[in-house]
Every structure is written in structure tokens, then in C-alpha cells.
Protein backbone atom coordinates (compact mmCIF):
# COMPACT_ATOMS: atom_id res chain seq x y z
CA MET A 1 76.09 113.66 110.46
CA ARG A 2 75.40 117.23 109.40
CA SER A 3 78.22 119.73 109.24
CA PRO A 4 77.69 123.21 110.75
CA ALA A 5 76.94 124.51 107.24
CA GLY A 6 74.35 121.78 106.74
CA PHE A 7 76.24 119.33 104.51
CA SER A 8 75.63 115.62 105.00
CA VAL A 9 79.04 114.12 105.77
CA LYS A 10 80.55 110.97 107.24
CA LYS A 11 81.79 111.59 110.76
CA ALA A 12 85.14 109.75 110.43
CA GLU A 13 86.10 111.60 107.24
CA TYR A 14 84.95 114.95 108.61
CA GLU A 15 86.88 114.59 111.86
CA ALA A 16 90.05 113.36 110.10
CA MET A 17 89.97 116.32 107.71
CA GLU A 18 89.20 118.79 110.51
CA GLU A 19 92.18 117.53 112.51
CA ALA A 20 94.46 117.68 109.45
CA ILE A 21 93.42 121.24 108.52
CA LEU A 22 93.92 122.60 112.02
CA LEU A 23 97.25 120.77 112.40
CA TYR A 24 98.52 122.06 109.07
CA LEU A 25 97.48 125.66 109.70
CA ARG A 26 99.08 125.61 113.15
CA ARG A 27 102.31 124.25 111.65
CA VAL A 28 102.66 126.79 108.85
CA LYS A 29 101.78 129.79 111.07
CA LYS A 30 100.96 131.99 108.08
CA PRO A 31 97.99 132.62 105.80
CA VAL A 32 97.68 130.06 102.98
CA SER A 33 95.56 129.68 99.86
CA PHE A 34 93.10 126.80 99.56
CA GLY A 35 95.48 125.13 97.10
CA GLU A 36 98.32 125.31 99.59
CA LEU A 37 96.02 124.10 102.34
CA PHE A 38 94.88 121.13 100.29
CA GLN A 39 98.43 120.14 99.34
CA GLY A 40 99.40 120.23 103.01
CA VAL A 41 96.46 118.27 104.35
CA ALA A 42 96.52 115.67 101.57
CA ARG A 43 99.66 114.26 103.20
CA LEU A 44 98.09 114.25 106.67
CA VAL A 45 94.76 112.47 106.11
CA PRO A 46 94.44 108.67 106.19
CA PRO A 47 94.53 107.30 102.62
CA ASP A 48 91.95 104.63 103.48
CA LEU A 49 89.40 107.38 104.25
CA PHE A 50 90.34 109.46 101.20
CA PRO A 51 91.27 107.05 98.39
CA ASP A 52 90.95 109.68 95.67
CA GLU A 53 91.77 113.36 95.34
CA ASN A 54 88.22 114.48 94.51
CA LYS A 55 86.79 113.10 97.75
CA ALA A 56 89.63 114.62 99.78
CA ARG A 57 89.27 118.00 98.05
CA TRP A 58 85.47 118.04 98.66
CA TYR A 59 85.89 117.25 102.37
CA ALA A 60 88.70 119.80 102.69
CA LYS A 61 86.45 122.53 101.26
CA VAL A 62 83.43 121.57 103.40
CA VAL A 63 85.48 121.41 106.59
CA GLN A 64 87.34 124.64 105.74
CA ARG A 65 84.03 126.47 105.29
CA ASP A 66 82.66 124.99 108.53
CA LEU A 67 85.78 126.05 110.42
CA GLU A 68 85.30 129.57 109.08
CA LEU A 69 81.63 129.51 110.06
CA THR A 70 82.44 128.44 113.60
CA GLY A 71 85.28 130.96 113.94
CA ARG A 72 88.15 128.47 114.23
CA VAL A 73 89.67 129.48 110.89
CA GLU A 74 89.80 133.01 109.54
CA ARG A 75 89.60 134.09 105.92
CA LEU A 76 91.56 137.27 105.31
CA PRO A 77 89.35 140.02 103.85
CA GLU A 78 91.49 141.06 100.88
CA PRO A 79 91.92 138.97 97.73
CA PRO A 80 93.30 136.47 97.01
CA VAL A 81 91.59 134.20 99.52
CA ARG A 82 93.99 133.31 102.33
CA LEU A 83 93.19 131.24 105.42
CA LEU A 84 94.74 131.05 108.85
CA VAL A 85 93.90 129.37 112.14
CA ARG A 86 92.51 131.49 114.93
CA VAL A 87 94.38 131.27 118.19
């Protein structure tokens, strides 16, 4: 499948990461850095879909950018980069 930003991704991995990112951001209820986001979602995604950290990190970044593009996640305008879920 193609992500909203045009990346070629596997549907199962994309959907699992999307669900994990939105769940994590809703749980923390505050802006987080990408590093914090990744640490949080790494515990939520199925290990059989993401057997290594590099694959999980790549999907997390792609999905995070797509969620920003589609307006479901907001990036705060001032540095450092912080993300939060839109209600």
C-alpha cells in the first residue's frame, strides 16, 4: 500500500504502528519528542511485525509524518519538535 505521504509500506505494519502511536499519544496527554514517542510505541507494537529496532523506528517515523499530514497528530511550531494527538 502507499502511505498518504507516498511511501510504499506493508499494510499490517502500518496499521499496527498507527494504532500504537495514537494510543500512546492519547495515554500521555502531553506533547512528546519523537524519541519519547518511539520508546512508548516500541512496547505497544507486535514484536513479530517489528523484529528489529530499525524497522520499527522507520515505520514510526513514516506513520508519524502521515498522521501529521492528515491532521490527526500535531507538531508544535516551536523547537524542539514535540508531537501531540489532535482531539
